[in-house]
Amino acid sequence: MGSVNVPAGKVFLLNSLHFTGPCIPKPLLFIIDGEMIAQSDPQKWGNGENGVIPWLIFDQVDGLAIVGRGLLDGQGKSWWDIHCRDHPGPMMTFSNCGNVTLKSLRFRNSAQTHVLVMGSQNVYIDDIKITSPEASPNTDGIHITSSTAVSINHSDIATGDDCVSIGDQVNNLNVTFMNCGPGHGVSIGSLGRGGTEVTVENIRVSHVNFTGTTNGARIKTWPGGTGYVRGIEFFDIRFSSVQNPIIIDQFYGCAPTCVETMKGVHIEKVRYMKMSGTSATKVAMKLECSGESVPCSNLFMRDIDLSPADGIDSVSSLCSFAHGSAQGIIRPLSCF
């Protein structure tokens, strides 16, 4: 086993680091108990062929553990007033990696996304804390794309964007025992932009507390995309003053001027079970599916109890082209 140690009580100012595998010996262990901070001045970041070089990248590394009680600080405040296309990208990236453990670290103030999992498999994330101000743009907590067998457990995420965002080609993802807020909730999407084909399935989100978020359990796709989102389960979810507790939005990015299309990402086999709490808007359950040609199908609800937050008189459901069934108490009334 090879190891790298960042000792407690020490602070290290780092420029961009890129670790490329395969690595021998393996597994490779990083123990981070001290602090690692990025350059706060955007002018001091290096530039590559694709723009500003991201901070920490692990590429093609199999058998990697990053653990400890340390802090990674992206010092992103100076970036947040600059257009996001010029940002350096995620604070920590796992690209084409396998058998990864990320445990017990703290992340703060990334210029953009905090942790990116891309093209990877068998990734275990546990007991991490991610914080950025509510107004910080595009500071997703964890973004997963083109990956399989990823789990996120026992973590606290409070940012200016999605706590967890799920991109295309993701299969077998488990998010459980997480506190989310502030932020934009847990989002599957956005997907299907520019007519692309989508394949997302076997996603389970359970035992999650949403507090003061703009969304809770969200699926969002662009009109004109194709493919599918299926095999999704939201279970044992608590909402506290959440603006859109349950939402499917298949008109993302174009409303209210969407162009009518016969194509759409097919959303099917989505289960909402044991969800309760308060909505900060009158529409607590919004299921806006693509249309008659590609409706949402095989949706299922059981034991949903949403009530108005302070300042809201009542809550209701708003649905279009959403088909499914319901059992138990459903408040507000289900659309099916």
Protein backbone atom coordinates (compact mmCIF):
# COMPACT_ATOMS: atom_id res chain seq x y z
CA MET A 1 0.00 0.00 0.00
CA GLY A 2 1.23 3.49 -0.89
CA SER A 3 0.22 6.44 1.28
CA VAL A 4 0.24 10.24 1.38
CA ASN A 5 -0.28 12.07 4.67
CA VAL A 6 -1.48 15.64 5.29
CA PRO A 7 -0.89 16.02 9.04
CA ALA A 8 -3.25 17.71 11.47
CA GLY A 9 -2.36 21.25 12.46
CA LYS A 10 -0.76 22.05 9.10
CA VAL A 11 -2.13 24.24 6.28
CA PHE A 12 -0.97 23.68 2.70
CA LEU A 13 -1.58 26.13 -0.16
CA LEU A 14 -1.89 24.04 -3.31
CA ASN A 15 -1.97 24.71 -7.01
CA SER A 16 -3.66 22.21 -9.30
CA LEU A 17 -2.68 18.56 -8.77
CA HIS A 18 -3.37 15.78 -11.27
CA PHE A 19 -2.83 12.16 -10.19
CA THR A 20 -2.88 9.74 -13.14
CA GLY A 21 -2.92 5.97 -12.79
CA PRO A 22 -2.56 3.12 -12.94
CA CYS A 23 -0.78 3.29 -9.59
CA ILE A 24 1.56 0.68 -8.12
CA PRO A 25 1.31 -0.31 -5.34
CA LYS A 26 -2.40 -0.29 -4.71
CA PRO A 27 -4.53 0.49 -2.85
CA LEU A 28 -3.38 4.09 -2.58
CA LEU A 29 -4.21 5.83 0.71
CA PHE A 30 -4.46 9.59 1.25
CA ILE A 31 -4.84 10.61 4.90
CA ILE A 32 -5.90 14.24 5.14
CA ASP A 33 -6.11 15.54 8.71
CA GLY A 34 -4.76 19.03 8.04
CA GLU A 35 -6.01 21.78 5.72
CA MET A 36 -5.53 22.09 1.96
CA ILE A 37 -6.48 25.43 0.43
CA ALA A 38 -6.62 26.63 -3.16
CA GLN A 39 -5.39 29.93 -4.51
CA SER A 40 -7.96 32.63 -3.75
CA ASP A 41 -6.86 34.86 -6.65
CA PRO A 42 -8.19 33.63 -10.03
CA GLN A 43 -5.18 35.24 -11.74
CA LYS A 44 -2.88 32.79 -10.01
CA TRP A 45 -4.58 29.67 -11.40
CA GLY A 46 -2.92 27.85 -14.27
CA ASN A 47 -4.52 27.54 -17.71
CA GLY A 48 -4.57 24.52 -20.00
CA GLU A 49 -5.99 23.72 -23.43
CA ASN A 50 -9.54 23.65 -22.03
CA GLY A 51 -9.31 26.70 -19.82
CA VAL A 52 -8.50 26.97 -16.15
CA ILE A 53 -7.02 23.74 -14.77
CA PRO A 54 -9.19 22.09 -12.07
CA TRP A 55 -7.77 21.74 -8.58
CA LEU A 56 -7.54 18.05 -7.60
CA ILE A 57 -7.99 15.30 -10.20
CA PHE A 58 -7.64 11.53 -9.79
CA ASP A 59 -7.66 9.91 -13.23
CA GLN A 60 -7.61 6.17 -13.97
CA VAL A 61 -6.78 5.23 -10.39
CA ASP A 62 -8.07 1.90 -9.14
CA GLY A 63 -8.08 1.21 -5.40
CA LEU A 64 -8.07 4.68 -3.85
CA ALA A 65 -8.98 5.76 -0.31
CA ILE A 66 -9.07 9.40 0.77
CA VAL A 67 -9.86 9.65 4.46
CA GLY A 68 -9.33 11.88 7.47
CA ARG A 69 -10.87 14.79 9.39
CA GLY A 70 -9.19 17.50 7.36
CA LEU A 71 -10.57 20.47 5.42
CA LEU A 72 -10.35 21.24 1.70
CA ASP A 73 -11.08 24.92 1.05
CA GLY A 74 -11.55 26.03 -2.55
CA GLN A 75 -11.61 29.73 -1.58
CA GLY A 76 -14.09 30.22 -4.40
CA LYS A 77 -15.56 33.59 -3.48
CA SER A 78 -13.49 35.48 -6.07
CA TRP A 79 -14.78 33.13 -8.80
CA TRP A 80 -18.48 33.50 -8.04
CA ASP A 81 -18.77 36.91 -9.74
CA ILE A 82 -17.06 35.56 -12.89
CA HIS A 83 -19.09 33.73 -15.57
CA CYS A 84 -19.24 30.02 -14.78
CA ARG A 85 -17.72 29.06 -18.15
CA ASP A 86 -14.46 30.54 -16.88
CA HIS A 87 -14.46 28.66 -13.56
CA PRO A 88 -11.82 26.01 -12.83
CA GLY A 89 -14.38 23.24 -12.48
CA PRO A 90 -14.77 20.87 -9.54
CA MET A 91 -12.70 20.97 -6.39
CA MET A 92 -12.10 17.21 -6.47
CA THR A 93 -12.63 14.98 -9.52
CA PHE A 94 -12.62 11.19 -9.86
CA SER A 95 -12.35 10.40 -13.55
CA ASN A 96 -12.37 6.80 -14.83
CA CYS A 97 -11.57 5.49 -11.37
CA GLY A 98 -12.61 2.29 -9.61
CA ASN A 99 -12.97 1.11 -6.03
CA VAL A 100 -12.82 4.56 -4.46
CA THR A 101 -13.51 5.51 -0.83
CA LEU A 102 -13.96 9.14 0.22
CA LYS A 103 -14.62 9.39 3.94
CA SER A 104 -14.98 11.94 6.75
CA LEU A 105 -13.51 14.99 4.98
CA ARG A 106 -14.86 18.55 4.96
CA PHE A 107 -15.17 20.60 1.78
CA ARG A 108 -15.79 24.34 1.69
CA ASN A 109 -16.32 27.12 -0.85
CA SER A 110 -15.52 25.50 -4.16
CA ALA A 111 -15.34 27.74 -7.21
CA GLN A 112 -17.89 25.39 -8.77
CA THR A 113 -18.91 21.76 -8.04
CA HIS A 114 -17.24 20.35 -4.93
CA VAL A 115 -16.94 16.65 -5.83
CA LEU A 116 -17.32 15.16 -9.33
CA VAL A 117 -17.59 11.42 -10.00
CA MET A 118 -17.22 10.80 -13.74
CA GLY A 119 -16.79 7.57 -15.69
CA SER A 120 -16.15 5.66 -12.47
CA GLN A 121 -17.43 2.59 -10.68
CA ASN A 122 -17.63 1.27 -7.13
CA VAL A 123 -17.36 4.65 -5.42
CA TYR A 124 -18.17 4.88 -1.70
CA ILE A 125 -18.66 8.34 -0.15
CA ASP A 126 -19.37 8.46 3.57
CA ASP A 127 -19.52 10.98 6.42
CA ILE A 128 -18.47 14.05 4.48
CA LYS A 129 -19.55 17.65 5.03
CA ILE A 130 -19.82 20.18 2.20
CA THR A 131 -20.60 23.87 2.76
CA SER A 132 -20.83 26.94 0.54
CA PRO A 133 -23.04 30.02 0.86
CA GLU A 134 -26.61 29.73 -0.37
CA ALA A 135 -25.96 32.47 -2.94
CA SER A 136 -22.82 30.86 -4.40
CA PRO A 137 -23.54 29.87 -8.03
CA ASN A 138 -23.11 26.35 -9.46
CA THR A 139 -21.60 24.99 -6.27
CA ASP A 140 -23.17 21.52 -6.44
CA GLY A 141 -22.17 19.30 -3.55
CA ILE A 142 -21.63 16.04 -5.47
CA HIS A 143 -22.23 15.50 -9.18
CA ILE A 144 -22.27 11.99 -10.68
CA THR A 145 -22.17 11.24 -14.39
CA SER A 146 -21.38 8.17 -16.55
CA SER A 147 -20.82 6.05 -13.45
CA THR A 148 -22.16 2.91 -11.81
CA ALA A 149 -22.31 1.52 -8.26
CA VAL A 150 -21.94 4.80 -6.35
CA SER A 151 -23.11 5.29 -2.76
CA ILE A 152 -23.34 8.49 -0.69
CA ASN A 153 -24.04 7.94 3.00
CA HIS A 154 -24.31 9.85 6.31
CA SER A 155 -23.32 13.23 4.87
CA ASP A 156 -24.30 16.89 5.32
CA ILE A 157 -24.43 19.16 2.27
CA ALA A 158 -25.32 22.88 2.23
CA THR A 159 -24.50 24.79 -0.96
CA GLY A 160 -25.78 27.22 -3.57
CA ASP A 161 -26.85 24.50 -6.01
CA ASP A 162 -27.86 20.82 -5.93
CA CYS A 163 -26.79 18.85 -2.88
CA VAL A 164 -26.49 15.86 -5.20
CA SER A 165 -26.94 16.09 -8.97
CA ILE A 166 -27.22 13.03 -11.18
CA GLY A 167 -26.22 13.30 -14.82
CA ASP A 168 -26.56 10.96 -17.77
CA GLN A 169 -25.45 7.31 -17.92
CA VAL A 170 -25.72 6.73 -14.19
CA ASN A 171 -26.77 3.31 -12.94
CA ASN A 172 -27.04 1.87 -9.44
CA LEU A 173 -26.73 4.95 -7.22
CA ASN A 174 -27.69 4.99 -3.54
CA VAL A 175 -28.03 8.21 -1.51
CA THR A 176 -28.98 7.62 2.11
CA PHE A 177 -28.96 9.32 5.52
CA MET A 178 -28.17 12.80 4.23
CA ASN A 179 -29.03 16.31 5.39
CA CYS A 180 -29.51 18.73 2.49
CA GLY A 181 -29.98 22.46 2.75
CA PRO A 182 -29.73 25.15 1.80
CA GLY A 183 -29.42 24.28 -1.86
CA HIS A 184 -31.46 22.97 -4.78
CA GLY A 185 -32.19 19.49 -3.45
CA VAL A 186 -31.38 16.12 -5.01
CA SER A 187 -31.74 16.41 -8.77
CA ILE A 188 -31.79 13.76 -11.45
CA GLY A 189 -30.81 15.95 -14.38
CA SER A 190 -30.89 18.10 -16.19
CA LEU A 191 -30.95 15.52 -18.97
CA GLY A 192 -31.58 15.40 -22.71
CA ARG A 193 -30.31 18.83 -23.69
CA GLY A 194 -29.91 19.24 -27.43
CA GLY A 195 -31.90 16.08 -28.17
CA THR A 196 -29.39 13.71 -26.59
CA GLU A 197 -30.33 10.17 -25.59
CA VAL A 198 -30.55 9.52 -21.85
CA THR A 199 -29.95 6.29 -19.89
CA VAL A 200 -30.42 6.67 -16.13
CA GLU A 201 -31.75 3.87 -13.92
CA ASN A 202 -31.69 2.22 -10.51
CA ILE A 203 -31.42 5.32 -8.32
CA ARG A 204 -32.46 5.17 -4.65
CA VAL A 205 -32.67 8.22 -2.38
CA SER A 206 -33.69 7.42 1.20
CA HIS A 207 -33.61 8.80 4.75
CA VAL A 208 -32.93 12.36 3.59
CA ASN A 209 -33.82 15.62 5.36
CA PHE A 210 -34.37 18.66 3.13
CA THR A 211 -34.31 22.02 4.95
CA GLY A 212 -35.04 25.33 3.22
CA THR A 213 -34.14 24.02 -0.25
CA THR A 214 -35.62 25.22 -3.53
CA ASN A 215 -36.41 21.61 -4.48
CA GLY A 216 -36.57 18.26 -2.76
CA ALA A 217 -36.94 15.14 -4.90
CA ARG A 218 -36.50 16.47 -8.44
CA ILE A 219 -36.27 14.98 -11.94
CA LYS A 220 -35.61 17.50 -14.71
CA THR A 221 -35.21 16.99 -18.48
CA TRP A 222 -35.02 19.22 -21.53
CA PRO A 223 -37.72 18.96 -24.21
CA GLY A 224 -36.67 16.96 -27.28
CA GLY A 225 -34.39 14.53 -25.49
CA THR A 226 -34.84 10.78 -25.84
CA GLY A 227 -34.05 7.66 -23.83
CA TYR A 228 -35.23 6.93 -20.31
CA VAL A 229 -35.10 7.61 -16.59
CA ARG A 230 -36.44 4.55 -14.77
CA GLY A 231 -36.25 2.50 -11.62
CA ILE A 232 -36.15 5.52 -9.26
CA GLU A 233 -37.13 5.39 -5.58
CA PHE A 234 -37.51 8.18 -3.03
CA PHE A 235 -38.15 6.71 0.44
CA ASP A 236 -38.40 8.14 3.97
CA ILE A 237 -37.92 11.79 3.05
CA ARG A 238 -38.52 14.79 5.35
CA PHE A 239 -39.15 18.31 4.06
CA SER A 240 -38.93 21.51 6.09
CA SER A 241 -40.08 24.64 4.24
CA VAL A 242 -39.06 23.32 0.81
CA GLN A 243 -40.30 25.20 -2.27
CA ASN A 244 -40.88 22.18 -4.54
CA PRO A 245 -40.89 19.05 -2.37
CA ILE A 246 -41.82 16.63 -5.20
CA ILE A 247 -41.22 17.75 -8.76
CA ILE A 248 -40.86 16.34 -12.26
CA ASP A 249 -40.01 19.09 -14.75
CA GLN A 250 -39.74 17.93 -18.37
CA PHE A 251 -39.69 21.48 -19.69
CA TYR A 252 -36.48 22.51 -18.02
CA GLY A 253 -34.59 25.38 -19.62
CA CYS A 254 -37.31 26.58 -21.98
CA ALA A 255 -40.47 27.45 -20.03
CA PRO A 256 -42.61 29.38 -20.74
CA THR A 257 -41.55 29.49 -24.41
CA CYS A 258 -41.11 25.75 -25.07
CA VAL A 259 -41.47 24.56 -28.66
CA GLU A 260 -43.86 21.63 -29.00
CA THR A 261 -42.16 18.33 -29.80
CA MET A 262 -43.26 14.71 -30.08
CA LYS A 263 -40.05 13.49 -28.45
CA GLY A 264 -39.17 13.33 -24.79
CA VAL A 265 -37.20 11.42 -22.18
CA HIS A 266 -39.43 8.63 -20.90
CA ILE A 267 -39.75 8.73 -17.11
CA GLU A 268 -41.12 5.48 -15.71
CA LYS A 269 -41.18 3.30 -12.62
CA VAL A 270 -40.66 6.09 -10.09
CA ARG A 271 -41.69 5.33 -6.49
CA TYR A 272 -42.40 8.02 -3.86
CA MET A 273 -42.91 6.50 -0.40
CA LYS A 274 -43.08 7.73 3.18
CA MET A 275 -42.52 11.43 2.49
CA SER A 276 -43.69 14.19 4.82
CA GLY A 277 -43.12 17.78 5.86
CA THR A 278 -43.88 21.34 4.78
CA SER A 279 -43.99 23.10 1.43
CA ALA A 280 -42.96 26.76 1.07
CA THR A 281 -45.12 27.08 -2.07
CA LYS A 282 -48.77 26.30 -2.74
CA VAL A 283 -47.92 23.60 -5.29
CA ALA A 284 -46.27 20.93 -3.16
CA MET A 285 -46.40 18.21 -5.79
CA LYS A 286 -45.70 19.11 -9.41
CA LEU A 287 -45.45 16.41 -12.06
CA GLU A 288 -45.12 18.05 -15.48
CA CYS A 289 -44.37 15.29 -17.98
CA SER A 290 -43.42 15.59 -21.66
CA GLY A 291 -46.81 15.08 -23.27
CA GLU A 292 -49.30 12.63 -24.62
CA SER A 293 -46.74 10.96 -26.89
CA VAL A 294 -44.24 10.36 -24.06
CA PRO A 295 -46.08 10.52 -20.72
CA CYS A 296 -44.62 9.56 -17.36
CA SER A 297 -45.75 6.00 -16.65
CA ASN A 298 -45.87 3.56 -13.75
CA LEU A 299 -45.45 6.21 -11.08
CA PHE A 300 -46.31 5.06 -7.57
CA MET A 301 -47.04 6.97 -4.37
CA ARG A 302 -47.59 5.71 -0.85
CA ASP A 303 -47.93 7.59 2.43
CA ILE A 304 -47.27 11.17 1.31
CA ASP A 305 -48.17 13.89 3.83
CA LEU A 306 -47.25 17.46 2.80
CA SER A 307 -48.64 20.49 4.60
CA PRO A 308 -48.17 24.25 4.12
CA ALA A 309 -45.20 25.98 5.71
CA ASP A 310 -45.66 29.20 7.65
CA GLY A 311 -47.18 31.87 5.43
CA ILE A 312 -48.79 29.41 3.00
CA ASP A 313 -52.57 28.90 3.26
CA SER A 314 -52.85 25.49 1.60
CA VAL A 315 -51.05 23.11 -0.73
CA SER A 316 -52.12 21.32 -3.90
CA SER A 317 -50.92 19.06 -6.71
CA LEU A 318 -50.33 20.04 -10.33
CA CYS A 319 -49.84 17.29 -12.89
CA SER A 320 -49.85 16.77 -16.65
CA PHE A 321 -49.47 13.46 -18.50
CA ALA A 322 -48.48 11.66 -15.30
CA HIS A 323 -49.86 8.11 -14.95
CA GLY A 324 -49.60 5.79 -11.99
CA SER A 325 -51.22 4.58 -8.78
CA ALA A 326 -51.32 5.49 -5.11
CA GLN A 327 -51.81 3.80 -1.74
CA GLY A 328 -52.32 5.03 1.81
CA ILE A 329 -52.61 8.69 2.80
CA ILE A 330 -51.74 11.10 -0.02
CA ARG A 331 -51.80 14.82 0.88
CA PRO A 332 -52.24 16.88 -1.18
CA LEU A 333 -54.43 14.66 -3.34
CA SER A 334 -52.60 12.57 -5.89
CA CYS A 335 -53.10 13.12 -9.60
CA PHE A 336 -53.83 9.43 -10.09
